[in-house]
Amino acid sequence: MFLQLLVGGIAVGCIYSLIGLGYSLIYSASGLMSFVQGEIFMLGAFVAFTLHISFDISFLLSAVLSMLIMFLFGILLERGMIGPLLRKGSKQIHIVLATIGLSIFLQNFAMLVWGTDVKNFPSAFGDAPIAVGAISIIPQQIAIVVITLFGMLAIHFFMSRTKMGTSLRAAAQDPMAAGVVGINVPWTIGVAWALAAVLSAIAGMLLAPIYGVYAKMGALLSTKGFAAAVLGGYGNMYGAIIGGLLFGIVETMAAGYLSSSLKDIISFGVLILVLFVMPSGILKVKAD
């Protein structure tokens, strides 16, 4: 039973890690907090569902198009709402309230466009469980872990090996100095928001075949992704990965050994205890 729960916890933790990574990416690039990641998660799943099911486009092409659409959405979000608010002198709390307002708008928008019922999103990897010794793994769980690992490695490579990634880190450390040496700081911040949107959309597409697609699917996951980022060390991208995995495993173990009704109490209780001991999270130093 332990190994079976561990596999499930890792798969769920990967989803939390992707969402938490988006939070940390935004914070490390701009010093801002966004509370719309859960609805971007939901929107990415709905866009992929529409392309794949309604327009009968292959899953792979639907996924690629959805990521491109959500990348543009992230750019527009930063350029059309966040940037103008900052230029008007808005403070951190105003940005938080604006993203909360946008999340409510997107939830209601999804209900108007796609309805309130749960949409079935068939898995492209099949539904037949795979027996590995005493445990049973569904293909979608394997896909979640593999794609999440690939996405995290891609983000690491982007941030550490590419010119844009270097510009993004420089702009995060000292925006004025970065601008002096020719870095387009507003553009790099927009890219960070766009990448965060893509990560949340990928998480939505990965989880949709297991739980379906519906307008409020990102509400609680947004909170848990944020908790994962805080647990790992807010603003630390590698910490978000560790925090997401720990949060997913603790939650799944609590549901398996105790009760599913207690899993949220226990997982958030562990978060509070850890923060009492390590207020800055597990990895308190930003990873450059």
Protein backbone atom coordinates (compact mmCIF):
# COMPACT_ATOMS: atom_id res chain seq x y z
CA MET A 1 0.00 0.00 0.00
CA PHE A 2 2.85 2.39 0.83
CA LEU A 3 4.41 2.15 -2.64
CA GLN A 4 1.02 2.55 -4.32
CA LEU A 5 0.35 5.71 -2.33
CA LEU A 6 3.88 6.96 -2.95
CA VAL A 7 3.39 6.71 -6.72
CA GLY A 8 0.11 8.60 -6.49
CA GLY A 9 1.67 11.21 -4.20
CA ILE A 10 4.56 11.82 -6.59
CA ALA A 11 2.17 12.25 -9.53
CA VAL A 12 0.00 14.74 -7.61
CA GLY A 13 3.12 16.44 -6.25
CA CYS A 14 4.39 16.97 -9.79
CA ILE A 15 1.23 18.94 -10.58
CA TYR A 16 1.69 21.08 -7.47
CA SER A 17 5.36 21.57 -8.44
CA LEU A 18 4.45 22.88 -11.90
CA ILE A 19 1.97 25.39 -10.46
CA GLY A 20 4.37 26.34 -7.65
CA LEU A 21 7.16 26.77 -10.18
CA GLY A 22 4.98 29.31 -11.98
CA TYR A 23 4.45 31.28 -8.77
CA SER A 24 8.18 31.27 -8.02
CA LEU A 25 9.10 32.22 -11.58
CA ILE A 26 6.86 35.30 -11.43
CA TYR A 27 8.16 36.30 -8.01
CA SER A 28 11.83 35.78 -8.87
CA ALA A 29 11.46 37.85 -12.06
CA SER A 30 9.27 40.69 -10.86
CA GLY A 31 8.92 40.46 -7.07
CA LEU A 32 5.14 40.19 -7.50
CA MET A 33 2.54 37.67 -6.35
CA SER A 34 -0.09 36.31 -8.70
CA PHE A 35 -3.24 34.52 -7.59
CA VAL A 36 -4.59 33.64 -11.02
CA GLN A 37 -2.43 30.57 -11.67
CA GLY A 38 -5.22 28.14 -10.76
CA GLU A 39 -7.56 29.68 -13.33
CA ILE A 40 -4.79 29.63 -15.96
CA PHE A 41 -4.44 25.94 -15.09
CA MET A 42 -8.17 25.54 -15.76
CA LEU A 43 -8.13 27.67 -18.91
CA GLY A 44 -5.23 25.69 -20.39
CA ALA A 45 -7.14 22.45 -19.84
CA PHE A 46 -10.29 23.89 -21.46
CA VAL A 47 -8.38 25.23 -24.48
CA ALA A 48 -6.76 21.81 -25.02
CA PHE A 49 -10.14 20.11 -24.55
CA THR A 50 -11.78 22.38 -27.13
CA LEU A 51 -9.03 21.87 -29.72
CA HIS A 52 -8.77 18.12 -29.15
CA ILE A 53 -12.43 17.16 -28.71
CA SER A 54 -14.50 19.91 -30.35
CA PHE A 55 -12.18 20.54 -33.34
CA ASP A 56 -10.87 16.95 -33.53
CA ILE A 57 -7.22 18.01 -33.58
CA SER A 58 -4.66 15.44 -32.45
CA PHE A 59 -3.73 15.54 -28.77
CA LEU A 60 -0.09 16.44 -29.43
CA LEU A 61 -0.94 19.34 -31.73
CA SER A 62 -3.70 20.47 -29.35
CA ALA A 63 -1.21 20.50 -26.47
CA VAL A 64 1.35 22.52 -28.46
CA LEU A 65 -1.28 25.03 -29.64
CA SER A 66 -2.64 25.34 -26.10
CA MET A 67 0.83 26.13 -24.75
CA LEU A 68 1.31 28.77 -27.44
CA ILE A 69 -2.09 30.30 -26.68
CA MET A 70 -1.37 30.36 -22.94
CA PHE A 71 2.08 31.85 -23.57
CA LEU A 72 0.39 34.71 -25.43
CA PHE A 73 -2.19 34.96 -22.65
CA GLY A 74 0.61 35.35 -20.09
CA ILE A 75 2.27 38.07 -22.18
CA LEU A 76 -1.04 39.91 -22.56
CA LEU A 77 -1.77 39.55 -18.85
CA GLU A 78 1.51 41.20 -17.89
CA ARG A 79 1.53 43.81 -20.70
CA GLY A 80 -2.20 44.60 -20.53
CA MET A 81 -2.91 44.52 -16.78
CA ILE A 82 0.12 44.08 -14.51
CA GLY A 83 2.46 46.50 -16.32
CA PRO A 84 -0.07 49.37 -16.59
CA LEU A 85 -1.01 48.98 -12.91
CA LEU A 86 2.65 49.21 -11.88
CA ARG A 87 3.21 52.26 -14.09
CA LYS A 88 0.27 53.94 -12.33
CA GLY A 89 2.04 53.42 -9.01
CA SER A 90 0.03 50.43 -7.79
CA LYS A 91 1.45 48.52 -4.84
CA GLN A 92 1.87 44.78 -4.31
CA ILE A 93 -1.56 44.48 -2.66
CA HIS A 94 -3.21 46.08 -5.71
CA ILE A 95 -1.59 43.48 -7.98
CA VAL A 96 -2.77 40.70 -5.66
CA LEU A 97 -6.34 42.05 -5.71
CA ALA A 98 -6.24 42.48 -9.50
CA THR A 99 -5.17 38.85 -10.03
CA ILE A 100 -7.83 37.63 -7.58
CA GLY A 101 -10.42 39.62 -9.52
CA LEU A 102 -9.16 38.15 -12.79
CA SER A 103 -9.39 34.63 -11.36
CA ILE A 104 -13.05 35.16 -10.47
CA PHE A 105 -13.70 36.60 -13.94
CA LEU A 106 -12.05 33.61 -15.65
CA GLN A 107 -14.04 31.14 -13.55
CA ASN A 108 -17.32 32.76 -14.55
CA PHE A 109 -16.15 33.15 -18.15
CA ALA A 110 -15.44 29.40 -18.29
CA MET A 111 -18.89 28.61 -16.89
CA LEU A 112 -20.53 30.80 -19.54
CA VAL A 113 -18.52 29.33 -22.42
CA TRP A 114 -18.17 25.66 -21.42
CA GLY A 115 -20.91 25.19 -18.84
CA THR A 116 -20.76 23.97 -15.25
CA ASP A 117 -20.66 20.21 -15.84
CA VAL A 118 -17.47 18.14 -15.77
CA LYS A 119 -16.07 17.41 -19.25
CA ASN A 120 -14.46 14.06 -19.93
CA PHE A 121 -10.93 14.46 -21.31
CA PRO A 122 -9.71 11.07 -22.61
CA SER A 123 -6.09 10.22 -21.90
CA ALA A 124 -3.83 10.03 -24.93
CA PHE A 125 -1.74 7.43 -23.13
CA GLY A 126 -4.46 4.86 -22.49
CA ASP A 127 -6.39 3.84 -19.37
CA ALA A 128 -5.24 0.26 -18.80
CA PRO A 129 -3.24 0.05 -15.52
CA ILE A 130 0.34 -1.19 -15.71
CA ALA A 131 1.34 -3.71 -13.02
CA VAL A 132 4.82 -3.18 -11.59
CA GLY A 133 5.31 -5.77 -8.89
CA ALA A 134 2.68 -5.20 -6.22
CA ILE A 135 1.68 -1.75 -7.42
CA SER A 136 -0.58 -0.63 -10.26
CA ILE A 137 0.24 2.51 -12.22
CA ILE A 138 -2.01 4.20 -14.76
CA PRO A 139 -0.25 5.53 -17.88
CA GLN A 140 -1.38 9.08 -17.14
CA GLN A 141 0.57 9.04 -13.86
CA ILE A 142 3.72 8.03 -15.75
CA ALA A 143 3.07 10.79 -18.29
CA ILE A 144 2.66 13.35 -15.49
CA VAL A 145 6.00 12.45 -13.91
CA VAL A 146 7.94 12.22 -17.20
CA ILE A 147 6.52 15.42 -18.72
CA THR A 148 6.97 17.31 -15.44
CA LEU A 149 10.62 16.23 -15.20
CA PHE A 150 11.19 17.25 -18.81
CA GLY A 151 9.51 20.62 -18.19
CA MET A 152 11.62 21.30 -15.11
CA LEU A 153 14.83 20.40 -16.94
CA ALA A 154 13.78 22.66 -19.82
CA ILE A 155 13.18 25.57 -17.41
CA HIS A 156 16.55 24.93 -15.75
CA PHE A 157 18.28 24.93 -19.14
CA PHE A 158 16.41 28.06 -20.22
CA MET A 159 17.29 29.97 -17.06
CA SER A 160 20.94 28.93 -16.89
CA ARG A 161 22.03 28.42 -20.51
CA THR A 162 20.10 30.83 -22.72
CA LYS A 163 20.53 34.55 -23.29
CA MET A 164 16.89 35.24 -22.42
CA GLY A 165 17.18 33.25 -19.20
CA THR A 166 20.32 35.15 -18.22
CA SER A 167 18.56 38.44 -19.01
CA LEU A 168 15.60 37.39 -16.89
CA ARG A 169 17.80 36.57 -13.89
CA ALA A 170 19.72 39.84 -14.32
CA ALA A 171 16.50 41.85 -14.51
CA ALA A 172 15.25 40.14 -11.35
CA GLN A 173 18.43 40.93 -9.40
CA ASP A 174 18.78 44.58 -10.44
CA PRO A 175 16.28 45.97 -12.98
CA MET A 176 18.02 49.35 -13.27
CA ALA A 177 21.47 47.88 -13.93
CA ALA A 178 19.96 45.38 -16.37
CA GLY A 179 18.33 48.22 -18.30
CA VAL A 180 21.60 50.15 -18.42
CA VAL A 181 23.39 47.24 -20.14
CA GLY A 182 20.67 46.97 -22.78
CA ILE A 183 18.30 44.34 -21.37
CA ASN A 184 14.64 44.95 -22.18
CA VAL A 185 13.39 44.54 -18.61
CA PRO A 186 9.61 44.86 -19.32
CA TRP A 187 9.89 42.20 -22.04
CA THR A 188 11.80 39.78 -19.81
CA ILE A 189 9.21 40.18 -17.05
CA GLY A 190 6.46 39.53 -19.61
CA VAL A 191 8.24 36.34 -20.68
CA ALA A 192 8.37 35.19 -17.04
CA TRP A 193 4.60 35.64 -16.70
CA ALA A 194 4.11 33.84 -20.01
CA LEU A 195 6.26 30.87 -18.96
CA ALA A 196 4.36 30.68 -15.67
CA ALA A 197 1.10 30.52 -17.66
CA VAL A 198 2.51 27.73 -19.84
CA LEU A 199 3.57 25.70 -16.76
CA SER A 200 0.10 26.00 -15.23
CA ALA A 201 -1.53 25.09 -18.55
CA ILE A 202 0.67 21.98 -18.85
CA ALA A 203 -0.38 20.97 -15.33
CA GLY A 204 -4.03 21.42 -16.32
CA MET A 205 -3.68 19.27 -19.44
CA LEU A 206 -1.90 16.55 -17.47
CA LEU A 207 -4.46 16.34 -14.67
CA ALA A 208 -7.59 16.76 -16.83
CA PRO A 209 -7.74 13.09 -18.01
CA ILE A 210 -7.84 11.94 -14.36
CA TYR A 211 -10.36 14.35 -12.84
CA GLY A 212 -12.05 15.86 -15.89
CA VAL A 213 -12.28 19.52 -16.92
CA TYR A 214 -14.55 21.98 -15.12
CA ALA A 215 -14.63 25.67 -14.29
CA LYS A 216 -13.56 25.40 -10.65
CA MET A 217 -10.88 22.73 -11.12
CA GLY A 218 -8.07 25.20 -10.38
CA ALA A 219 -9.49 26.82 -7.23
CA LEU A 220 -8.00 24.48 -4.61
CA LEU A 221 -5.02 23.48 -6.74
CA SER A 222 -4.03 27.13 -6.97
CA THR A 223 -3.83 27.28 -3.18
CA LYS A 224 -1.85 24.05 -2.99
CA GLY A 225 0.56 25.17 -5.70
CA PHE A 226 1.10 28.41 -3.78
CA ALA A 227 1.61 26.40 -0.58
CA ALA A 228 4.18 24.25 -2.39
CA ALA A 229 6.09 27.37 -3.46
CA VAL A 230 6.02 28.73 0.10
CA LEU A 231 7.06 25.38 1.58
CA GLY A 232 10.03 25.13 -0.76
CA GLY A 233 11.04 28.78 -0.31
CA TYR A 234 9.01 31.41 -2.13
CA GLY A 235 10.87 32.68 -5.17
CA ASN A 236 13.16 29.64 -5.30
CA MET A 237 12.28 27.58 -8.36
CA TYR A 238 14.02 24.44 -7.13
CA GLY A 239 12.36 24.86 -3.77
CA ALA A 240 8.95 24.91 -5.50
CA ILE A 241 9.71 21.49 -6.99
CA ILE A 242 10.69 20.03 -3.61
CA GLY A 243 7.74 21.68 -1.89
CA GLY A 244 5.27 20.36 -4.47
CA LEU A 245 6.52 16.78 -4.18
CA LEU A 246 6.49 16.86 -0.37
CA PHE A 247 3.02 18.39 -0.29
CA GLY A 248 1.65 15.79 -2.73
CA ILE A 249 3.19 12.83 -0.86
CA VAL A 250 2.04 14.01 2.59
CA GLU A 251 -1.48 14.66 1.29
CA THR A 252 -1.75 11.27 -0.41
CA MET A 253 -0.35 9.37 2.57
CA ALA A 254 -2.79 11.16 4.89
CA ALA A 255 -5.72 10.25 2.63
CA GLY A 256 -4.58 6.62 2.33
CA TYR A 257 -3.73 5.84 5.93
CA LEU A 258 -6.19 8.11 7.73
CA SER A 259 -9.08 9.68 5.80
CA SER A 260 -9.52 11.63 2.60
CA SER A 261 -11.52 14.18 4.59
CA LEU A 262 -8.42 14.88 6.72
CA LYS A 263 -5.84 15.17 3.93
CA ASP A 264 -6.08 18.95 3.55
CA ILE A 265 -6.01 19.53 7.31
CA ILE A 266 -2.90 17.38 7.69
CA SER A 267 -1.03 18.67 4.62
CA PHE A 268 -1.60 22.34 5.47
CA GLY A 269 -0.85 21.55 9.12
CA VAL A 270 2.53 20.15 8.07
CA LEU A 271 3.10 23.32 6.02
CA ILE A 272 2.48 25.49 9.09
CA LEU A 273 4.78 23.37 11.27
CA VAL A 274 7.59 23.50 8.72
CA LEU A 275 7.27 27.28 8.42
CA PHE A 276 7.48 27.62 12.21
CA VAL A 277 10.83 25.83 12.10
CA MET A 278 11.99 27.29 8.75
CA PRO A 279 10.09 30.56 8.16
CA SER A 280 11.77 31.09 4.78
CA GLY A 281 10.94 27.61 3.53
CA ILE A 282 13.16 24.63 2.83
CA LEU A 283 15.43 26.46 0.39
CA LYS A 284 15.46 30.06 1.52
CA VAL A 285 18.17 31.29 -0.85
CA LYS A 286 17.06 32.00 -4.41
CA ALA A 287 18.60 29.70 -6.96
CA ASP A 288 20.26 31.69 -9.73
